[in-house]
N, C-alpha and C. Protein backbone atom coordinates (compact mmCIF):
# COMPACT_ATOMS: atom_id res chain seq x y z
N UNK A 1 19.70 12.33 -21.95
CA UNK A 1 20.33 11.72 -23.00
C UNK A 1 22.00 11.87 -22.27
N UNK A 2 22.64 10.62 -21.39
CA UNK A 2 24.02 10.82 -20.72
C UNK A 2 24.68 9.78 -21.08
N UNK A 3 25.73 10.20 -21.71
CA UNK A 3 26.86 9.36 -22.11
C UNK A 3 27.80 8.95 -21.21
N UNK A 4 28.59 8.13 -20.60
CA UNK A 4 29.52 7.96 -19.66
C UNK A 4 30.33 7.14 -20.30
N UNK A 5 31.71 7.15 -20.05
CA UNK A 5 32.77 5.70 -20.70
C UNK A 5 34.02 6.27 -19.02
N UNK A 6 34.40 4.79 -19.30
CA UNK A 6 35.47 4.60 -18.42
C UNK A 6 36.83 3.18 -18.81
N UNK A 7 37.74 3.76 -18.86
CA UNK A 7 38.56 2.90 -19.12
C UNK A 7 38.76 1.07 -18.80
N UNK A 8 39.05 0.92 -19.16
CA UNK A 8 39.12 -0.85 -18.37
C UNK A 8 40.17 -1.74 -19.41
N UNK A 9 41.70 -1.89 -18.77
CA UNK A 9 42.60 -3.00 -19.59
C UNK A 9 42.53 -2.17 -21.24
N UNK A 10 43.01 -0.82 -21.41
CA UNK A 10 42.97 -0.19 -22.71
C UNK A 10 41.46 -0.37 -23.21
N UNK A 11 40.30 -0.86 -22.83
CA UNK A 11 39.15 -1.02 -23.50
C UNK A 11 38.14 0.20 -22.93
N UNK A 12 37.51 0.79 -23.77
CA UNK A 12 35.86 2.03 -23.01
C UNK A 12 35.11 1.15 -22.74
N UNK A 13 34.91 1.23 -21.70
CA UNK A 13 33.51 0.71 -21.24
C UNK A 13 32.33 1.88 -21.10
N UNK A 14 31.74 1.60 -21.76
CA UNK A 14 30.52 2.72 -22.26
C UNK A 14 29.34 2.90 -20.85
N UNK A 15 28.36 3.74 -20.89
CA UNK A 15 27.26 3.47 -20.08
C UNK A 15 26.28 4.80 -20.96
N UNK A 16 25.50 4.49 -21.74
CA UNK A 16 24.14 5.57 -22.13
C UNK A 16 23.31 5.22 -21.52
N UNK A 17 22.29 6.31 -21.61
CA UNK A 17 20.86 6.53 -21.00
C UNK A 17 20.15 7.28 -21.81
N UNK A 18 18.62 7.15 -22.55
CA UNK A 18 18.12 7.69 -22.99
C UNK A 18 16.99 7.69 -22.27
N UNK A 19 16.32 8.84 -22.15
CA UNK A 19 14.70 9.15 -21.09
C UNK A 19 14.06 8.79 -22.28
N UNK A 20 12.82 8.33 -21.60
CA UNK A 20 11.91 8.05 -22.72
C UNK A 20 10.90 8.02 -21.82
N UNK A 21 10.09 9.30 -22.02
CA UNK A 21 9.10 9.88 -20.95
C UNK A 21 9.73 10.11 -19.31
N UNK A 22 8.82 8.55 -18.71
CA UNK A 22 9.51 8.84 -16.91
C UNK A 22 10.32 7.70 -17.15
N UNK A 23 10.52 6.59 -18.17
CA UNK A 23 11.60 5.99 -17.70
C UNK A 23 12.64 5.86 -18.84
N UNK A 24 13.51 4.96 -18.41
CA UNK A 24 14.70 4.85 -19.01
C UNK A 24 15.57 3.70 -19.65
N UNK A 25 16.30 3.64 -20.68
CA UNK A 25 16.49 2.85 -21.83
C UNK A 25 18.03 2.91 -21.45
N UNK A 26 18.81 1.95 -20.92
CA UNK A 26 20.21 2.30 -20.72
C UNK A 26 21.27 0.89 -21.12
N UNK A 27 21.94 1.23 -21.75
CA UNK A 27 23.20 0.36 -22.31
C UNK A 27 24.53 0.32 -21.90
N UNK A 28 24.91 -0.69 -21.29
CA UNK A 28 26.45 -0.86 -21.16
C UNK A 28 26.99 -1.48 -21.74
N UNK A 29 28.19 -1.46 -22.89
CA UNK A 29 28.94 -2.06 -23.82
C UNK A 29 30.24 -1.69 -23.84
N UNK A 30 31.07 -2.27 -24.32
CA UNK A 30 32.15 -1.86 -24.42
C UNK A 30 33.36 -3.20 -24.87
N UNK A 31 34.51 -3.10 -24.79
CA UNK A 31 35.77 -4.19 -24.91
C UNK A 31 35.89 -4.07 -26.33
N UNK A 32 36.27 -5.10 -26.52
CA UNK A 32 36.86 -5.27 -28.89
C UNK A 32 35.75 -5.49 -29.33
N UNK A 33 34.46 -6.29 -28.71
CA UNK A 33 33.18 -6.24 -29.62
C UNK A 33 32.05 -6.09 -28.32
N UNK A 34 31.47 -4.82 -28.67
CA UNK A 34 30.15 -3.83 -27.83
C UNK A 34 29.10 -5.28 -28.91
N UNK A 35 28.13 -5.69 -27.75
CA UNK A 35 27.17 -6.51 -28.42
C UNK A 35 26.08 -6.25 -27.51
N UNK A 36 24.98 -7.18 -27.51
CA UNK A 36 23.87 -7.41 -26.93
C UNK A 36 24.00 -8.57 -26.08
N UNK A 37 24.27 -9.11 -25.17
CA UNK A 37 24.36 -10.56 -24.11
C UNK A 37 23.46 -10.47 -23.16
N UNK A 38 22.94 -9.60 -22.53
CA UNK A 38 21.73 -9.97 -21.89
C UNK A 38 20.71 -8.72 -21.85
N UNK A 39 19.65 -8.68 -21.17
CA UNK A 39 18.96 -7.30 -21.08
C UNK A 39 18.03 -7.72 -19.75
N UNK A 40 17.48 -6.48 -19.33
CA UNK A 40 16.89 -6.70 -17.71
C UNK A 40 15.90 -5.41 -18.09
N UNK A 41 14.46 -5.93 -17.38
CA UNK A 41 13.35 -5.02 -17.37
C UNK A 41 13.24 -4.96 -16.08
N UNK A 42 13.38 -3.50 -15.27
CA UNK A 42 13.28 -3.58 -13.75
C UNK A 42 11.93 -2.34 -13.66
N UNK A 43 10.87 -2.80 -12.97
CA UNK A 43 9.67 -2.54 -12.69
C UNK A 43 9.67 -1.78 -11.35
N UNK A 44 9.52 -0.59 -10.84
CA UNK A 44 9.36 -0.15 -9.61
C UNK A 44 8.56 -0.58 -8.85
N UNK A 45 8.57 -0.97 -7.66
CA UNK A 45 7.21 -1.59 -6.42
C UNK A 45 7.34 -0.93 -4.97
N UNK A 46 6.27 -1.02 -4.34
CA UNK A 46 6.76 -0.77 -3.05
C UNK A 46 7.69 -2.26 -2.67
N UNK A 47 8.54 -1.92 -1.50
CA UNK A 47 8.90 -3.11 -0.92
C UNK A 47 8.45 -3.95 -0.25
N UNK A 48 8.64 -5.63 -0.10
CA UNK A 48 7.77 -6.49 -0.14
C UNK A 48 7.72 -6.67 1.72
N UNK A 49 8.82 -5.48 2.36
CA UNK A 49 9.07 -5.50 3.65
C UNK A 49 8.01 -4.60 4.41
N UNK A 50 7.41 -4.15 4.21
CA UNK A 50 6.09 -3.29 4.46
C UNK A 50 6.71 -1.73 4.70
N UNK A 51 7.75 -1.78 4.41
CA UNK A 51 8.56 -0.27 4.99
C UNK A 51 8.09 1.34 4.34
N UNK A 52 7.60 1.07 3.34
CA UNK A 52 7.05 1.94 2.17
C UNK A 52 8.32 2.59 1.20
N UNK A 53 9.08 2.09 1.23
CA UNK A 53 11.18 1.68 0.59
C UNK A 53 10.59 1.64 -1.02
N UNK A 54 11.16 2.02 -2.11
CA UNK A 54 10.76 1.43 -3.28
C UNK A 54 11.63 0.13 -3.74
N UNK A 55 11.25 -0.74 -4.34
CA UNK A 55 12.10 -1.91 -4.32
C UNK A 55 12.11 -2.07 -6.11
N UNK A 56 12.12 -3.28 -6.62
CA UNK A 56 11.92 -3.76 -7.93
C UNK A 56 11.95 -4.79 -8.22
N UNK A 57 11.38 -5.23 -9.19
CA UNK A 57 10.85 -6.53 -10.04
C UNK A 57 11.79 -6.53 -11.28
N UNK A 58 12.62 -7.39 -11.22
CA UNK A 58 13.29 -7.46 -12.32
C UNK A 58 13.25 -8.91 -13.15
N UNK A 59 13.17 -8.98 -14.75
CA UNK A 59 12.59 -9.63 -15.67
C UNK A 59 14.17 -9.49 -16.52
N UNK A 60 14.67 -11.12 -16.92
CA UNK A 60 15.89 -10.94 -17.83
C UNK A 60 15.67 -11.78 -19.00
N UNK A 61 16.30 -11.96 -19.75
CA UNK A 61 16.54 -12.10 -21.14
C UNK A 61 17.84 -12.09 -21.46
N UNK A 62 18.22 -13.80 -21.86
CA UNK A 62 19.85 -13.60 -21.79
C UNK A 62 20.31 -14.86 -23.17
N UNK A 63 21.33 -13.67 -23.99
CA UNK A 63 21.52 -14.14 -24.93
C UNK A 63 22.30 -15.83 -24.91
N UNK A 64 22.25 -16.73 -25.52
CA UNK A 64 22.81 -17.96 -25.36
C UNK A 64 24.58 -18.25 -25.21
N UNK A 65 25.27 -18.55 -24.14
CA UNK A 65 26.25 -18.46 -24.15
C UNK A 65 27.14 -16.98 -23.02
N UNK A 66 26.17 -16.10 -23.14
CA UNK A 66 26.55 -14.77 -22.47
C UNK A 66 26.60 -14.73 -21.04
N UNK A 67 27.45 -14.15 -20.26
CA UNK A 67 27.56 -14.16 -18.85
C UNK A 67 26.82 -12.75 -18.48
N UNK A 68 26.42 -11.73 -19.26
CA UNK A 68 25.70 -10.57 -18.49
C UNK A 68 24.63 -10.13 -18.00
N UNK A 69 23.97 -11.09 -17.66
CA UNK A 69 23.03 -11.64 -16.94
C UNK A 69 23.01 -10.99 -15.59
N UNK A 70 23.97 -11.36 -14.78
CA UNK A 70 23.74 -10.65 -13.68
C UNK A 70 24.35 -9.46 -13.23
N UNK A 71 24.78 -8.81 -14.36
CA UNK A 71 25.34 -7.14 -14.69
C UNK A 71 24.03 -6.35 -14.58
N UNK A 72 23.28 -6.93 -15.61
CA UNK A 72 21.97 -6.46 -16.30
C UNK A 72 20.92 -6.49 -14.68
N UNK A 73 20.81 -7.74 -14.48
CA UNK A 73 19.65 -7.98 -12.91
C UNK A 73 20.22 -6.40 -11.95
N UNK A 74 21.31 -6.69 -11.49
CA UNK A 74 21.75 -5.86 -10.54
C UNK A 74 21.85 -4.48 -10.61
N UNK A 75 22.17 -3.77 -12.12
CA UNK A 75 21.99 -2.55 -12.72
C UNK A 75 20.45 -2.09 -12.47
N UNK A 76 19.60 -3.30 -13.10
CA UNK A 76 18.05 -2.63 -13.23
C UNK A 76 17.30 -2.48 -11.71
N UNK A 77 18.04 -3.53 -10.93
CA UNK A 77 17.35 -3.43 -9.42
C UNK A 77 17.95 -1.94 -8.83
N UNK A 78 19.30 -1.56 -9.18
CA UNK A 78 19.80 -0.80 -8.56
C UNK A 78 19.08 0.73 -8.63
N UNK A 79 18.90 0.86 -10.47
CA UNK A 79 18.72 1.73 -11.08
C UNK A 79 17.21 2.57 -10.53
N UNK A 80 16.59 1.21 -10.97
CA UNK A 80 15.10 1.52 -10.83
C UNK A 80 14.24 1.42 -9.40
N UNK A 81 15.05 1.12 -8.15
CA UNK A 81 14.65 1.50 -7.13
C UNK A 81 14.97 2.66 -6.60
N UNK A 82 16.23 3.00 -6.89
CA UNK A 82 16.63 4.52 -6.96
C UNK A 82 16.05 5.59 -7.21
N UNK A 83 15.60 5.45 -8.80
CA UNK A 83 14.86 6.59 -9.36
C UNK A 83 13.40 6.45 -9.24
N UNK A 84 13.29 5.15 -9.25
CA UNK A 84 11.35 4.89 -9.20
C UNK A 84 11.08 5.21 -10.14
N UNK A 85 11.69 4.16 -11.41
CA UNK A 85 11.25 4.52 -12.51
C UNK A 85 11.39 3.23 -13.51
N UNK A 86 10.75 2.94 -14.47
CA UNK A 86 10.77 1.60 -14.91
C UNK A 86 12.30 1.78 -16.27
N UNK A 87 13.26 1.22 -15.92
CA UNK A 87 14.04 0.72 -17.08
C UNK A 87 14.33 -0.52 -16.87
N UNK A 88 14.93 -0.51 -18.80
CA UNK A 88 15.97 -1.36 -19.18
C UNK A 88 17.03 -1.27 -19.68
N UNK A 89 17.91 -2.19 -19.05
CA UNK A 89 19.19 -2.15 -19.29
C UNK A 89 19.88 -3.33 -20.20
N UNK A 90 20.45 -3.29 -20.80
CA UNK A 90 21.44 -3.86 -21.93
C UNK A 90 22.56 -3.88 -21.38
N UNK A 91 23.34 -5.13 -21.84
CA UNK A 91 25.11 -4.99 -21.48
C UNK A 91 25.68 -6.01 -22.66
N UNK A 92 26.74 -5.63 -23.22
CA UNK A 92 27.38 -6.36 -23.89
C UNK A 92 28.97 -6.27 -23.98
N UNK A 93 30.00 -6.64 -23.02
CA UNK A 93 31.28 -6.31 -23.15
C UNK A 93 32.22 -7.56 -23.62
N UNK A 94 32.92 -7.55 -24.07
CA UNK A 94 33.72 -8.47 -24.75
C UNK A 94 35.12 -8.05 -24.86
N UNK A 95 35.90 -8.91 -23.47
CA UNK A 95 37.47 -8.71 -23.81
C UNK A 95 38.43 -9.97 -24.05
N UNK A 96 38.88 -10.13 -24.58
CA UNK A 96 39.41 -11.14 -25.16
C UNK A 96 40.73 -11.58 -23.89
N UNK A 97 40.62 -12.86 -23.45
CA UNK A 97 41.27 -13.86 -22.85
C UNK A 97 41.41 -12.57 -21.12
N UNK A 98 39.96 -12.34 -20.51
CA UNK A 98 39.77 -11.85 -19.25
C UNK A 98 39.95 -12.75 -18.26
N UNK A 99 40.88 -12.40 -17.43
CA UNK A 99 40.79 -13.66 -16.14
C UNK A 99 39.76 -13.33 -15.21
N UNK A 100 39.47 -13.95 -14.51
CA UNK A 100 38.15 -13.63 -13.17
C UNK A 100 38.88 -12.60 -12.08
N UNK A 101 39.81 -12.63 -11.83
CA UNK A 101 40.30 -11.48 -11.20
C UNK A 101 39.55 -9.97 -12.07
N UNK A 102 40.15 -9.90 -13.34
CA UNK A 102 39.86 -8.87 -14.04
C UNK A 102 38.19 -9.04 -14.28
N UNK A 103 37.44 -9.82 -14.34
CA UNK A 103 36.30 -9.84 -14.62
C UNK A 103 35.50 -9.02 -13.14
N UNK A 104 36.17 -9.32 -11.85
CA UNK A 104 35.60 -8.82 -10.76
C UNK A 104 36.23 -7.23 -10.60
N UNK A 105 37.57 -6.97 -11.27
CA UNK A 105 37.76 -5.32 -11.51
C UNK A 105 36.83 -4.96 -12.43
N UNK A 106 36.39 -5.60 -13.39
CA UNK A 106 35.04 -5.10 -14.27
C UNK A 106 33.92 -4.60 -13.94
N UNK A 107 33.68 -5.50 -13.14
CA UNK A 107 32.09 -5.49 -12.14
C UNK A 107 32.28 -4.13 -11.35
N UNK A 108 33.34 -3.25 -10.81
CA UNK A 108 33.56 -2.75 -9.98
C UNK A 108 33.23 -1.54 -11.02
N UNK A 109 34.22 -1.15 -11.99
CA UNK A 109 34.25 -0.27 -13.03
C UNK A 109 32.47 0.05 -13.06
N UNK A 110 31.96 -1.05 -13.40
CA UNK A 110 30.56 -1.29 -13.98
C UNK A 110 29.83 -0.11 -13.03
N UNK A 111 29.63 -0.79 -11.19
CA UNK A 111 29.21 -0.40 -10.77
C UNK A 111 29.23 1.14 -10.45
N UNK A 112 30.33 1.86 -10.32
CA UNK A 112 30.82 3.15 -10.86
C UNK A 112 30.24 3.75 -11.47
N UNK A 113 30.07 3.25 -12.67
CA UNK A 113 29.52 4.07 -13.78
C UNK A 113 27.72 3.73 -13.59
N UNK A 114 27.22 3.11 -12.88
CA UNK A 114 26.06 2.65 -12.42
C UNK A 114 25.88 4.30 -11.60
N UNK A 115 26.32 3.76 -10.61
CA UNK A 115 26.22 4.81 -9.31
C UNK A 115 26.47 6.36 -10.13
N UNK A 116 27.11 6.72 -10.72
CA UNK A 116 27.58 8.25 -11.76
C UNK A 116 26.20 8.60 -12.47
N UNK A 117 25.57 7.27 -13.35
CA UNK A 117 24.32 7.76 -13.82
C UNK A 117 23.10 7.86 -13.03
N UNK A 118 22.94 7.21 -11.70
CA UNK A 118 22.13 7.40 -10.90
C UNK A 118 21.82 8.99 -10.57
N UNK A 119 23.40 9.37 -9.84
CA UNK A 119 23.78 10.46 -9.73
C UNK A 119 22.73 11.64 -11.07
N UNK A 120 23.25 11.38 -12.12
CA UNK A 120 22.68 12.54 -13.59
C UNK A 120 21.61 12.59 -13.50
N UNK A 121 21.19 11.26 -13.52
CA UNK A 121 19.58 10.85 -13.85
C UNK A 121 18.91 11.73 -12.64
N UNK A 122 18.81 11.69 -11.31
CA UNK A 122 18.30 12.24 -10.05
C UNK A 122 18.96 13.32 -9.81
N UNK A 123 19.58 14.06 -11.05
CA UNK A 123 19.96 15.78 -11.16
C UNK A 123 20.85 15.86 -9.94
N UNK A 124 21.80 14.96 -9.17
CA UNK A 124 23.07 15.14 -8.72
C UNK A 124 22.05 14.59 -7.04
N UNK A 125 21.18 14.41 -6.78
CA UNK A 125 20.69 14.20 -5.50
C UNK A 125 20.24 12.29 -5.34
N UNK A 126 20.31 12.04 -4.13
CA UNK A 126 20.35 10.42 -4.04
C UNK A 126 19.13 10.11 -3.11
C-alpha cells in the first residue's frame, strides 16, 4: 500500500494505492468533502500502432453532476500503460469556490501525485 499527500489551497489532496495481486486499486481524494465522483477501469493492451508498446483501454463511471471523470480517465490510462497492470482509479475532491485557474493548478498537483505513485509502484524504475 502507498499513501501520498500534497497540500493544495490549505486542503490535503491524497492518493492511496492498494496492491491486489498484480492489479492496483487507486483513490485520489481530498478537499473539504472527499467523495466518489468518478471511477475508471484501465486494462493494459498492446498499442494499436503496432509498435509493441503497452497502451490501455479505459472505461468510466461518473456520478451525475461530478467533474472528476477526466482526472480518473487520464490517471488510469497513464498508470495502466506505464506499469502494465489492470487498475481502478476513483476520485472525489471538493473545494468550495474553486476557480478555473485553481482547477488547472489542482490538475497539475494530481499529475505529480500520479507520477510519484508510478515510480513507487514500479520500484523507482520508469
